[in-house]
Amino acid sequence: MDRAIAKAFPHIKCSVLDLPHVVASCKGTENLEFVAGDMFQAIPSADALLLKGILHDWNDEDSLKILKRCREAIGSSEKGGKLIILDIVMDSKATREIAELQTLFDMFLMVNTNGIERSEREWEKLFNEAGGVGEELGGESADAGAVEQWSSGTRRGHTAAGEVAAAEEGGRASEQGGERTCGQGSAEQNREVRGRGARWSDN
């Protein structure tokens, strides 16, 4: 997904934050760089942050730590910033097939990562505890059912073309006991996500 974004928006500087041993095997491009670090400690300042399939790997306590680091990163931008999250929203009105698939994902996370698939109410609670105010939240697909945006500062609406830092699915893989490679997103990972936007502001 990182390379797809960088290729689609060549005027934007993109950065991917991951653990040092993962970044060591990754090769950047003219507008894409890989940064070694730990999202629980600090996230580089950026105009926009993208978390895809990250927060569902972690319980509420750890997710709050990540969100607070994100808030610091976009809050330090002079223009203000935005956090964009791609993750599942458990929906009580979902079709039977989607509800079953979401439940399977939730059980998998519970067994393997100490994570959780969250309902709309649980997402709103998490964001509010992190210091944001929810305006809208929702989605339509089972595997990437939400696009949430959290604005900082005075800027709202569309993100300005600038630096984008992205944390890919599978971040902190060593602590989850998994392995992953960089820049090899599948067609499933890269397909368009259908969903409504949710904005989160400091107001």
N, C-alpha and C. Protein backbone atom coordinates (compact mmCIF):
# COMPACT_ATOMS: atom_id res chain seq x y z
N MET A 1 0.82 -1.20 0.00
CA MET A 1 0.00 0.00 0.00
C MET A 1 0.86 1.26 0.00
N ASP A 2 2.01 1.20 0.67
CA ASP A 2 2.89 2.36 0.74
C ASP A 2 3.35 2.79 -0.65
N ARG A 3 3.77 1.83 -1.45
CA ARG A 3 4.27 2.15 -2.79
C ARG A 3 3.13 2.59 -3.71
N ALA A 4 1.95 2.04 -3.51
CA ALA A 4 0.80 2.44 -4.32
C ALA A 4 0.45 3.90 -4.06
N ILE A 5 0.48 4.32 -2.79
CA ILE A 5 0.19 5.71 -2.45
C ILE A 5 1.25 6.64 -3.02
N ALA A 6 2.52 6.27 -2.84
CA ALA A 6 3.62 7.10 -3.33
C ALA A 6 3.57 7.25 -4.85
N LYS A 7 3.19 6.18 -5.54
CA LYS A 7 3.12 6.22 -6.99
C LYS A 7 1.93 7.06 -7.46
N ALA A 8 0.81 6.95 -6.74
CA ALA A 8 -0.40 7.68 -7.13
C ALA A 8 -0.28 9.17 -6.86
N PHE A 9 0.54 9.53 -5.86
CA PHE A 9 0.70 10.94 -5.48
C PHE A 9 2.19 11.30 -5.45
N PRO A 10 2.81 11.43 -6.62
CA PRO A 10 4.25 11.67 -6.68
C PRO A 10 4.68 13.01 -6.08
N HIS A 11 3.73 13.94 -5.90
CA HIS A 11 4.05 15.26 -5.33
C HIS A 11 4.07 15.22 -3.81
N ILE A 12 3.71 14.10 -3.21
CA ILE A 12 3.67 13.98 -1.75
C ILE A 12 4.86 13.17 -1.25
N LYS A 13 5.48 13.64 -0.20
CA LYS A 13 6.56 12.91 0.45
C LYS A 13 5.95 11.91 1.42
N CYS A 14 6.24 10.63 1.21
CA CYS A 14 5.66 9.57 2.03
C CYS A 14 6.74 8.90 2.89
N SER A 15 6.37 8.60 4.13
CA SER A 15 7.28 7.90 5.04
C SER A 15 6.54 6.73 5.67
N VAL A 16 7.23 5.62 5.84
CA VAL A 16 6.67 4.45 6.50
C VAL A 16 7.46 4.19 7.77
N LEU A 17 6.78 4.20 8.91
CA LEU A 17 7.42 3.95 10.20
C LEU A 17 7.27 2.48 10.55
N ASP A 18 8.40 1.83 10.87
CA ASP A 18 8.34 0.43 11.28
C ASP A 18 9.56 0.12 12.13
N LEU A 19 9.59 -1.08 12.67
CA LEU A 19 10.70 -1.48 13.53
C LEU A 19 12.00 -1.54 12.74
N PRO A 20 13.13 -1.31 13.39
CA PRO A 20 14.42 -1.24 12.70
C PRO A 20 14.74 -2.47 11.85
N HIS A 21 14.45 -3.67 12.36
CA HIS A 21 14.82 -4.87 11.59
C HIS A 21 13.95 -5.02 10.34
N VAL A 22 12.76 -4.44 10.33
CA VAL A 22 11.90 -4.47 9.15
C VAL A 22 12.38 -3.44 8.13
N VAL A 23 12.65 -2.23 8.60
CA VAL A 23 13.09 -1.15 7.73
C VAL A 23 14.42 -1.47 7.05
N ALA A 24 15.26 -2.24 7.73
CA ALA A 24 16.59 -2.56 7.20
C ALA A 24 16.51 -3.27 5.85
N SER A 25 15.42 -3.97 5.58
CA SER A 25 15.30 -4.72 4.33
C SER A 25 14.44 -4.00 3.29
N CYS A 26 14.07 -2.75 3.56
CA CYS A 26 13.18 -2.01 2.67
C CYS A 26 13.95 -0.96 1.87
N LYS A 27 13.58 -0.82 0.62
CA LYS A 27 14.22 0.15 -0.26
C LYS A 27 13.22 1.22 -0.65
N GLY A 28 13.55 2.47 -0.42
CA GLY A 28 12.66 3.57 -0.72
C GLY A 28 12.75 4.01 -2.17
N THR A 29 11.99 5.05 -2.49
CA THR A 29 12.00 5.65 -3.82
C THR A 29 12.19 7.15 -3.65
N GLU A 30 12.03 7.89 -4.74
CA GLU A 30 12.26 9.33 -4.69
C GLU A 30 11.36 10.03 -3.68
N ASN A 31 10.11 9.59 -3.56
CA ASN A 31 9.19 10.24 -2.62
C ASN A 31 8.69 9.29 -1.52
N LEU A 32 9.41 8.18 -1.32
CA LEU A 32 9.04 7.22 -0.28
C LEU A 32 10.27 6.82 0.52
N GLU A 33 10.20 7.00 1.83
CA GLU A 33 11.29 6.60 2.70
C GLU A 33 10.76 5.73 3.83
N PHE A 34 11.64 4.87 4.34
CA PHE A 34 11.30 4.00 5.46
C PHE A 34 12.06 4.47 6.69
N VAL A 35 11.32 4.70 7.77
CA VAL A 35 11.89 5.28 8.99
C VAL A 35 11.85 4.24 10.10
N ALA A 36 12.99 4.01 10.73
CA ALA A 36 13.06 3.07 11.85
C ALA A 36 12.57 3.75 13.12
N GLY A 37 11.72 3.07 13.86
CA GLY A 37 11.22 3.65 15.10
C GLY A 37 10.21 2.75 15.78
N ASP A 38 9.52 3.30 16.75
CA ASP A 38 8.54 2.58 17.54
C ASP A 38 7.34 3.49 17.76
N MET A 39 6.18 3.11 17.23
CA MET A 39 5.01 3.98 17.30
C MET A 39 4.52 4.19 18.72
N PHE A 40 4.98 3.37 19.66
CA PHE A 40 4.61 3.56 21.05
C PHE A 40 5.47 4.63 21.73
N GLN A 41 6.60 4.93 21.12
CA GLN A 41 7.52 5.92 21.69
C GLN A 41 7.37 7.29 21.04
N ALA A 42 7.43 7.34 19.73
CA ALA A 42 7.31 8.61 19.02
C ALA A 42 7.01 8.35 17.54
N ILE A 43 6.23 9.24 16.95
CA ILE A 43 5.91 9.18 15.52
C ILE A 43 6.36 10.50 14.90
N PRO A 44 7.12 10.46 13.80
CA PRO A 44 7.60 11.70 13.18
C PRO A 44 6.45 12.63 12.80
N SER A 45 6.70 13.93 12.90
CA SER A 45 5.70 14.93 12.54
C SER A 45 5.31 14.79 11.07
N ALA A 46 4.02 14.95 10.78
CA ALA A 46 3.54 14.83 9.41
C ALA A 46 2.25 15.61 9.26
N ASP A 47 1.91 15.96 8.01
CA ASP A 47 0.64 16.61 7.73
C ASP A 47 -0.51 15.62 7.84
N ALA A 48 -0.23 14.35 7.57
CA ALA A 48 -1.27 13.32 7.66
C ALA A 48 -0.63 12.00 8.05
N LEU A 49 -1.36 11.23 8.83
CA LEU A 49 -0.93 9.89 9.24
C LEU A 49 -1.97 8.88 8.78
N LEU A 50 -1.51 7.73 8.29
CA LEU A 50 -2.40 6.67 7.85
C LEU A 50 -2.10 5.40 8.64
N LEU A 51 -3.11 4.87 9.30
CA LEU A 51 -2.99 3.59 10.01
C LEU A 51 -3.93 2.60 9.35
N LYS A 52 -3.38 1.57 8.72
CA LYS A 52 -4.21 0.56 8.06
C LYS A 52 -4.07 -0.77 8.80
N GLY A 53 -5.16 -1.23 9.38
CA GLY A 53 -5.14 -2.51 10.08
C GLY A 53 -4.18 -2.52 11.24
N ILE A 54 -4.04 -1.40 11.92
CA ILE A 54 -3.11 -1.30 13.05
C ILE A 54 -3.84 -1.44 14.38
N LEU A 55 -4.82 -0.59 14.62
CA LEU A 55 -5.42 -0.50 15.95
C LEU A 55 -6.19 -1.75 16.34
N HIS A 56 -6.69 -2.51 15.37
CA HIS A 56 -7.42 -3.72 15.75
C HIS A 56 -6.49 -4.82 16.29
N ASP A 57 -5.18 -4.62 16.13
CA ASP A 57 -4.21 -5.57 16.68
C ASP A 57 -3.94 -5.35 18.16
N TRP A 58 -4.48 -4.25 18.72
CA TRP A 58 -4.12 -3.85 20.08
C TRP A 58 -5.36 -3.61 20.92
N ASN A 59 -5.23 -3.85 22.22
CA ASN A 59 -6.33 -3.57 23.14
C ASN A 59 -6.49 -2.07 23.31
N ASP A 60 -7.51 -1.66 24.06
CA ASP A 60 -7.79 -0.22 24.20
C ASP A 60 -6.64 0.54 24.83
N GLU A 61 -6.01 -0.04 25.83
CA GLU A 61 -4.91 0.64 26.52
C GLU A 61 -3.76 0.95 25.56
N ASP A 62 -3.36 -0.05 24.78
CA ASP A 62 -2.26 0.17 23.83
C ASP A 62 -2.69 1.05 22.67
N SER A 63 -3.94 0.91 22.23
CA SER A 63 -4.44 1.75 21.13
C SER A 63 -4.45 3.22 21.53
N LEU A 64 -4.78 3.49 22.78
CA LEU A 64 -4.75 4.88 23.27
C LEU A 64 -3.34 5.44 23.24
N LYS A 65 -2.36 4.62 23.56
CA LYS A 65 -0.97 5.07 23.50
C LYS A 65 -0.60 5.45 22.07
N ILE A 66 -1.01 4.62 21.12
CA ILE A 66 -0.72 4.89 19.72
C ILE A 66 -1.41 6.17 19.26
N LEU A 67 -2.68 6.32 19.62
CA LEU A 67 -3.43 7.51 19.22
C LEU A 67 -2.84 8.78 19.80
N LYS A 68 -2.35 8.71 21.02
CA LYS A 68 -1.74 9.89 21.64
C LYS A 68 -0.43 10.26 20.94
N ARG A 69 0.34 9.25 20.50
CA ARG A 69 1.55 9.53 19.73
C ARG A 69 1.17 10.15 18.38
N CYS A 70 0.07 9.67 17.78
CA CYS A 70 -0.40 10.25 16.52
C CYS A 70 -0.83 11.70 16.72
N ARG A 71 -1.51 11.96 17.81
CA ARG A 71 -1.97 13.32 18.11
C ARG A 71 -0.78 14.27 18.24
N GLU A 72 0.27 13.80 18.90
CA GLU A 72 1.48 14.61 19.05
C GLU A 72 2.11 14.87 17.69
N ALA A 73 2.12 13.86 16.82
CA ALA A 73 2.77 13.98 15.52
C ALA A 73 2.07 14.98 14.61
N ILE A 74 0.74 14.91 14.53
CA ILE A 74 0.03 15.84 13.66
C ILE A 74 -0.19 17.19 14.33
N GLY A 75 -0.16 17.20 15.66
CA GLY A 75 -0.32 18.46 16.38
C GLY A 75 0.89 19.35 16.29
N SER A 76 2.06 18.75 16.01
CA SER A 76 3.29 19.53 15.91
C SER A 76 3.46 20.16 14.53
N SER A 77 2.57 19.82 13.60
CA SER A 77 2.62 20.41 12.27
C SER A 77 2.04 21.82 12.31
N GLU A 78 2.72 22.78 11.69
CA GLU A 78 2.26 24.17 11.70
C GLU A 78 0.89 24.32 11.04
N LYS A 79 0.62 23.49 10.06
CA LYS A 79 -0.64 23.58 9.32
C LYS A 79 -1.77 22.80 9.98
N GLY A 80 -1.47 22.08 11.04
CA GLY A 80 -2.45 21.15 11.57
C GLY A 80 -2.33 19.85 10.78
N GLY A 81 -3.02 18.82 11.19
CA GLY A 81 -2.86 17.55 10.49
C GLY A 81 -4.10 16.70 10.58
N LYS A 82 -3.99 15.50 10.01
CA LYS A 82 -5.13 14.59 9.98
C LYS A 82 -4.66 13.16 10.16
N LEU A 83 -5.45 12.41 10.93
CA LEU A 83 -5.22 10.98 11.11
C LEU A 83 -6.29 10.22 10.35
N ILE A 84 -5.87 9.33 9.46
CA ILE A 84 -6.79 8.52 8.67
C ILE A 84 -6.60 7.07 9.07
N ILE A 85 -7.68 6.41 9.45
CA ILE A 85 -7.61 5.03 9.94
C ILE A 85 -8.46 4.13 9.06
N LEU A 86 -7.87 3.04 8.58
CA LEU A 86 -8.60 2.02 7.82
C LEU A 86 -8.71 0.79 8.70
N ASP A 87 -9.90 0.49 9.15
CA ASP A 87 -10.09 -0.66 10.04
C ASP A 87 -11.56 -1.07 10.01
N ILE A 88 -11.85 -2.21 10.58
CA ILE A 88 -13.21 -2.73 10.59
C ILE A 88 -14.07 -2.01 11.62
N VAL A 89 -15.33 -1.80 11.28
CA VAL A 89 -16.34 -1.36 12.23
C VAL A 89 -17.39 -2.46 12.32
N MET A 90 -17.48 -3.11 13.47
CA MET A 90 -18.47 -4.16 13.66
C MET A 90 -19.86 -3.53 13.59
N ASP A 91 -20.71 -4.08 12.73
CA ASP A 91 -22.00 -3.46 12.45
C ASP A 91 -23.14 -4.42 12.76
N SER A 92 -24.02 -4.03 13.69
CA SER A 92 -25.15 -4.88 14.06
C SER A 92 -26.16 -5.01 12.92
N LYS A 93 -26.09 -4.09 11.94
CA LYS A 93 -27.02 -4.12 10.82
C LYS A 93 -26.42 -4.81 9.59
N ALA A 94 -25.25 -5.39 9.75
CA ALA A 94 -24.57 -6.04 8.63
C ALA A 94 -25.34 -7.29 8.19
N THR A 95 -25.11 -7.70 6.95
CA THR A 95 -25.71 -8.94 6.48
C THR A 95 -25.14 -10.11 7.27
N ARG A 96 -25.80 -11.24 7.22
CA ARG A 96 -25.35 -12.41 7.98
C ARG A 96 -23.94 -12.81 7.57
N GLU A 97 -23.66 -12.79 6.26
CA GLU A 97 -22.34 -13.20 5.78
C GLU A 97 -21.25 -12.28 6.30
N ILE A 98 -21.48 -10.97 6.24
CA ILE A 98 -20.48 -10.02 6.72
C ILE A 98 -20.33 -10.11 8.23
N ALA A 99 -21.44 -10.26 8.95
CA ALA A 99 -21.39 -10.37 10.41
C ALA A 99 -20.57 -11.60 10.83
N GLU A 100 -20.76 -12.72 10.13
CA GLU A 100 -20.00 -13.93 10.45
C GLU A 100 -18.51 -13.72 10.18
N LEU A 101 -18.20 -13.05 9.07
CA LEU A 101 -16.80 -12.80 8.73
C LEU A 101 -16.15 -11.88 9.75
N GLN A 102 -16.86 -10.85 10.16
CA GLN A 102 -16.33 -9.93 11.17
C GLN A 102 -16.09 -10.65 12.49
N THR A 103 -17.00 -11.54 12.86
CA THR A 103 -16.85 -12.30 14.10
C THR A 103 -15.63 -13.21 14.04
N LEU A 104 -15.39 -13.82 12.88
CA LEU A 104 -14.21 -14.67 12.71
C LEU A 104 -12.94 -13.84 12.86
N PHE A 105 -12.92 -12.64 12.27
CA PHE A 105 -11.76 -11.75 12.41
C PHE A 105 -11.54 -11.42 13.89
N ASP A 106 -12.63 -11.13 14.59
CA ASP A 106 -12.54 -10.76 16.00
C ASP A 106 -11.97 -11.91 16.83
N MET A 107 -12.42 -13.13 16.57
CA MET A 107 -11.92 -14.30 17.29
C MET A 107 -10.45 -14.54 16.99
N PHE A 108 -10.06 -14.36 15.72
CA PHE A 108 -8.66 -14.53 15.33
C PHE A 108 -7.77 -13.56 16.09
N LEU A 109 -8.19 -12.30 16.16
CA LEU A 109 -7.40 -11.29 16.87
C LEU A 109 -7.33 -11.59 18.36
N MET A 110 -8.43 -12.04 18.94
CA MET A 110 -8.47 -12.34 20.36
C MET A 110 -7.47 -13.44 20.71
N VAL A 111 -7.36 -14.44 19.84
CA VAL A 111 -6.48 -15.58 20.09
C VAL A 111 -5.03 -15.26 19.79
N ASN A 112 -4.78 -14.48 18.74
CA ASN A 112 -3.41 -14.30 18.24
C ASN A 112 -2.73 -13.00 18.62
N THR A 113 -3.47 -11.93 18.86
CA THR A 113 -2.80 -10.63 19.04
C THR A 113 -3.25 -9.83 20.25
N ASN A 114 -4.20 -10.32 21.01
CA ASN A 114 -4.77 -9.54 22.11
C ASN A 114 -5.50 -8.31 21.60
N GLY A 115 -5.87 -8.36 20.31
CA GLY A 115 -6.57 -7.24 19.70
C GLY A 115 -8.08 -7.44 19.73
N ILE A 116 -8.79 -6.53 19.04
CA ILE A 116 -10.25 -6.58 19.06
C ILE A 116 -10.80 -5.84 17.85
N GLU A 117 -11.88 -6.40 17.26
CA GLU A 117 -12.64 -5.66 16.25
C GLU A 117 -13.69 -4.85 17.00
N ARG A 118 -13.79 -3.57 16.72
CA ARG A 118 -14.63 -2.68 17.52
C ARG A 118 -15.92 -2.27 16.80
N SER A 119 -16.94 -2.07 17.60
CA SER A 119 -18.20 -1.54 17.09
C SER A 119 -18.08 -0.02 16.95
N GLU A 120 -19.09 0.60 16.35
CA GLU A 120 -19.07 2.05 16.20
C GLU A 120 -18.97 2.73 17.57
N ARG A 121 -19.72 2.24 18.53
CA ARG A 121 -19.69 2.83 19.87
C ARG A 121 -18.31 2.67 20.50
N GLU A 122 -17.68 1.52 20.31
CA GLU A 122 -16.35 1.29 20.88
C GLU A 122 -15.30 2.18 20.23
N TRP A 123 -15.42 2.40 18.90
CA TRP A 123 -14.50 3.31 18.22
C TRP A 123 -14.66 4.73 18.75
N GLU A 124 -15.90 5.18 18.88
CA GLU A 124 -16.15 6.53 19.37
C GLU A 124 -15.61 6.72 20.78
N LYS A 125 -15.80 5.71 21.63
CA LYS A 125 -15.29 5.77 22.99
C LYS A 125 -13.77 5.89 22.99
N LEU A 126 -13.12 5.09 22.14
CA LEU A 126 -11.66 5.11 22.06
C LEU A 126 -11.16 6.47 21.61
N PHE A 127 -11.77 7.02 20.56
CA PHE A 127 -11.34 8.32 20.04
C PHE A 127 -11.59 9.44 21.04
N ASN A 128 -12.72 9.39 21.72
CA ASN A 128 -13.01 10.41 22.72
C ASN A 128 -12.02 10.37 23.87
N GLU A 129 -11.63 9.17 24.29
CA GLU A 129 -10.65 9.04 25.37
C GLU A 129 -9.28 9.54 24.93
N ALA A 130 -9.03 9.48 23.61
CA ALA A 130 -7.75 9.97 23.09
C ALA A 130 -7.76 11.48 22.89
N GLY A 131 -8.92 12.11 23.10
CA GLY A 131 -8.98 13.57 23.01
C GLY A 131 -9.65 14.11 21.78
N GLY A 132 -10.30 13.26 20.99
CA GLY A 132 -10.97 13.72 19.78
C GLY A 132 -12.47 13.78 19.98
N VAL A 133 -13.15 14.44 19.05
CA VAL A 133 -14.60 14.53 19.07
C VAL A 133 -15.13 13.95 17.78
N GLY A 134 -15.91 12.88 17.85
CA GLY A 134 -16.37 12.20 16.65
C GLY A 134 -17.53 12.92 15.99
N GLU A 135 -17.50 12.98 14.66
CA GLU A 135 -18.59 13.59 13.91
C GLU A 135 -19.33 12.56 13.07
N GLU A 136 -18.61 11.59 12.52
CA GLU A 136 -19.25 10.58 11.68
C GLU A 136 -18.33 9.38 11.60
N LEU A 137 -18.93 8.19 11.56
CA LEU A 137 -18.15 6.96 11.52
C LEU A 137 -18.96 5.91 10.80
N GLY A 138 -18.34 5.18 9.88
CA GLY A 138 -19.09 4.12 9.22
C GLY A 138 -18.32 3.48 8.11
N GLY A 139 -18.91 2.46 7.49
CA GLY A 139 -18.26 1.77 6.40
C GLY A 139 -19.15 0.70 5.83
N GLU A 140 -18.70 0.06 4.74
CA GLU A 140 -19.55 -0.88 4.05
C GLU A 140 -18.94 -2.26 3.85
N SER A 141 -17.65 -2.43 3.96
CA SER A 141 -17.05 -3.72 3.69
C SER A 141 -16.61 -4.40 4.96
N ALA A 142 -16.46 -5.73 4.90
CA ALA A 142 -16.16 -6.50 6.10
C ALA A 142 -14.69 -6.43 6.49
N ASP A 143 -13.80 -6.28 5.51
CA ASP A 143 -12.37 -6.38 5.81
C ASP A 143 -11.70 -5.03 5.97
N ALA A 144 -12.32 -3.97 5.54
CA ALA A 144 -11.75 -2.63 5.73
C ALA A 144 -12.91 -1.66 5.84
N GLY A 145 -13.71 -1.83 6.88
CA GLY A 145 -15.02 -1.21 6.90
C GLY A 145 -15.08 0.22 7.37
N ALA A 146 -13.97 0.89 7.57
CA ALA A 146 -14.09 2.26 8.06
C ALA A 146 -12.99 3.13 7.53
N VAL A 147 -13.31 4.37 7.31
CA VAL A 147 -12.30 5.39 7.04
C VAL A 147 -12.55 6.49 8.04
N GLU A 148 -11.70 6.59 9.06
CA GLU A 148 -11.89 7.61 10.07
C GLU A 148 -10.82 8.67 9.93
N GLN A 149 -11.19 9.91 10.13
CA GLN A 149 -10.24 11.00 10.03
C GLN A 149 -10.33 11.86 11.28
N TRP A 150 -9.19 12.21 11.80
CA TRP A 150 -9.13 12.99 13.03
C TRP A 150 -8.27 14.21 12.75
N SER A 151 -8.88 15.40 12.77
CA SER A 151 -8.15 16.62 12.42
C SER A 151 -7.56 17.28 13.65
N SER A 152 -6.45 17.94 13.47
CA SER A 152 -5.80 18.69 14.54
C SER A 152 -5.57 20.11 14.08
N GLY A 153 -5.65 21.07 14.98
CA GLY A 153 -5.42 22.46 14.60
C GLY A 153 -6.63 23.04 13.90
N THR A 154 -6.40 23.95 12.97
CA THR A 154 -7.50 24.66 12.35
C THR A 154 -7.89 24.09 11.00
N ARG A 155 -7.11 23.18 10.46
CA ARG A 155 -7.39 22.66 9.13
C ARG A 155 -8.43 21.56 9.21
N ARG A 156 -9.41 21.59 8.30
CA ARG A 156 -10.40 20.53 8.23
C ARG A 156 -10.62 20.17 6.77
N GLY A 157 -11.36 19.11 6.52
CA GLY A 157 -11.65 18.73 5.15
C GLY A 157 -10.47 17.99 4.54
N HIS A 158 -10.12 18.35 3.32
CA HIS A 158 -9.08 17.62 2.60
C HIS A 158 -7.69 17.91 3.17
N THR A 159 -6.86 16.87 3.21
CA THR A 159 -5.50 17.01 3.71
C THR A 159 -4.64 17.74 2.68
N ALA A 160 -3.85 18.69 3.13
CA ALA A 160 -2.96 19.41 2.23
C ALA A 160 -1.88 18.48 1.70
N ALA A 161 -1.44 18.71 0.48
CA ALA A 161 -0.35 17.92 -0.08
C ALA A 161 0.91 18.22 0.71
N GLY A 162 1.45 17.24 1.34
CA GLY A 162 2.63 17.43 2.17
C GLY A 162 3.18 16.09 2.57
N GLU A 163 3.78 16.03 3.73
CA GLU A 163 4.38 14.78 4.16
C GLU A 163 3.31 13.85 4.71
N VAL A 164 3.37 12.60 4.32
CA VAL A 164 2.46 11.58 4.81
C VAL A 164 3.28 10.47 5.44
N ALA A 165 3.01 10.15 6.69
CA ALA A 165 3.67 9.04 7.36
C ALA A 165 2.67 7.91 7.51
N ALA A 166 3.04 6.72 7.08
CA ALA A 166 2.11 5.59 7.11
C ALA A 166 2.68 4.44 7.92
N ALA A 167 1.85 3.87 8.77
CA ALA A 167 2.23 2.66 9.50
C ALA A 167 1.43 1.52 8.89
N GLU A 168 2.12 0.56 8.28
CA GLU A 168 1.43 -0.49 7.55
C GLU A 168 0.93 -1.58 8.46
N GLU A 169 -0.04 -2.34 7.94
CA GLU A 169 -0.54 -3.50 8.65
C GLU A 169 0.61 -4.45 8.93
N GLY A 170 0.69 -4.95 10.15
CA GLY A 170 1.77 -5.85 10.52
C GLY A 170 2.87 -5.15 11.27
N GLY A 171 2.74 -3.85 11.54
CA GLY A 171 3.74 -3.13 12.31
C GLY A 171 3.95 -3.78 13.66
N ARG A 172 5.12 -3.65 14.22
CA ARG A 172 5.49 -4.30 15.47
C ARG A 172 5.36 -5.82 15.32
N ALA A 173 5.68 -6.33 14.13
CA ALA A 173 5.46 -7.74 13.85
C ALA A 173 6.21 -8.65 14.80
N SER A 174 7.40 -8.23 15.24
CA SER A 174 8.19 -9.10 16.10
C SER A 174 7.49 -9.36 17.42
N GLU A 175 6.80 -8.35 17.94
CA GLU A 175 6.12 -8.53 19.21
C GLU A 175 4.84 -9.34 19.04
N GLN A 176 4.31 -9.41 17.82
CA GLN A 176 3.13 -10.21 17.57
C GLN A 176 3.52 -11.63 17.16
N GLY A 177 4.82 -11.87 16.98
CA GLY A 177 5.27 -13.19 16.60
C GLY A 177 5.13 -13.46 15.12
N GLY A 178 5.00 -12.41 14.31
CA GLY A 178 4.81 -12.61 12.88
C GLY A 178 5.96 -12.05 12.07
N GLU A 179 5.95 -12.35 10.78
CA GLU A 179 6.95 -11.85 9.85
C GLU A 179 6.24 -11.12 8.73
N ARG A 180 6.89 -10.13 8.14
CA ARG A 180 6.30 -9.44 7.00
C ARG A 180 7.40 -8.82 6.16
N THR A 181 7.05 -8.44 4.94
CA THR A 181 8.00 -7.77 4.05
C THR A 181 7.43 -6.42 3.66
N CYS A 182 8.27 -5.58 3.08
CA CYS A 182 7.84 -4.22 2.73
C CYS A 182 7.45 -4.13 1.26
N GLY A 183 6.48 -3.27 0.99
CA GLY A 183 6.16 -2.90 -0.38
C GLY A 183 5.62 -4.01 -1.24
N GLN A 184 4.99 -5.02 -0.63
CA GLN A 184 4.47 -6.12 -1.41
C GLN A 184 3.00 -6.35 -1.08
N GLY A 185 2.22 -5.27 -1.05
CA GLY A 185 0.81 -5.37 -0.73
C GLY A 185 0.07 -6.16 -1.80
N SER A 186 -0.88 -6.98 -1.37
CA SER A 186 -1.66 -7.80 -2.29
C SER A 186 -2.73 -6.94 -2.95
N ALA A 187 -3.37 -7.52 -3.96
CA ALA A 187 -4.47 -6.81 -4.62
C ALA A 187 -5.58 -6.54 -3.62
N GLU A 188 -5.78 -7.48 -2.68
CA GLU A 188 -6.82 -7.29 -1.67
C GLU A 188 -6.51 -6.10 -0.80
N GLN A 189 -5.24 -5.95 -0.41
CA GLN A 189 -4.85 -4.83 0.44
C GLN A 189 -4.98 -3.51 -0.28
N ASN A 190 -4.74 -3.53 -1.60
CA ASN A 190 -4.67 -2.28 -2.35
C ASN A 190 -5.99 -1.86 -2.97
N ARG A 191 -7.02 -2.73 -2.89
CA ARG A 191 -8.27 -2.37 -3.54
C ARG A 191 -8.93 -1.19 -2.83
N GLU A 192 -9.77 -0.53 -3.55
CA GLU A 192 -10.40 0.68 -3.01
C GLU A 192 -11.28 0.35 -1.82
N VAL A 193 -11.18 1.14 -0.78
CA VAL A 193 -12.00 0.97 0.41
C VAL A 193 -13.25 1.82 0.28
N ARG A 194 -14.38 1.19 0.47
CA ARG A 194 -15.64 1.93 0.41
C ARG A 194 -16.05 2.28 1.83
N GLY A 195 -16.30 3.55 2.09
CA GLY A 195 -16.73 3.94 3.43
C GLY A 195 -16.96 5.42 3.53
N ARG A 196 -17.61 5.83 4.59
CA ARG A 196 -17.83 7.24 4.85
C ARG A 196 -16.70 7.77 5.71
N GLY A 197 -16.46 9.06 5.62
CA GLY A 197 -15.39 9.67 6.40
C GLY A 197 -15.88 10.08 7.78
N ALA A 198 -15.02 9.97 8.76
CA ALA A 198 -15.32 10.48 10.10
C ALA A 198 -14.22 11.43 10.49
N ARG A 199 -14.57 12.63 10.90
CA ARG A 199 -13.56 13.63 11.23
C ARG A 199 -13.46 13.80 12.74
N TRP A 200 -12.26 13.97 13.20
CA TRP A 200 -12.01 14.12 14.63
C TRP A 200 -11.21 15.40 14.84
N SER A 201 -11.76 16.33 15.63
CA SER A 201 -11.11 17.62 15.80
C SER A 201 -10.81 17.90 17.26
N ASP A 202 -10.01 18.93 17.49
CA ASP A 202 -9.66 19.32 18.85
C ASP A 202 -10.73 20.19 19.50
N ASN A 203 -11.73 20.61 18.74
CA ASN A 203 -12.73 21.54 19.26
C ASN A 203 -13.63 20.87 20.29
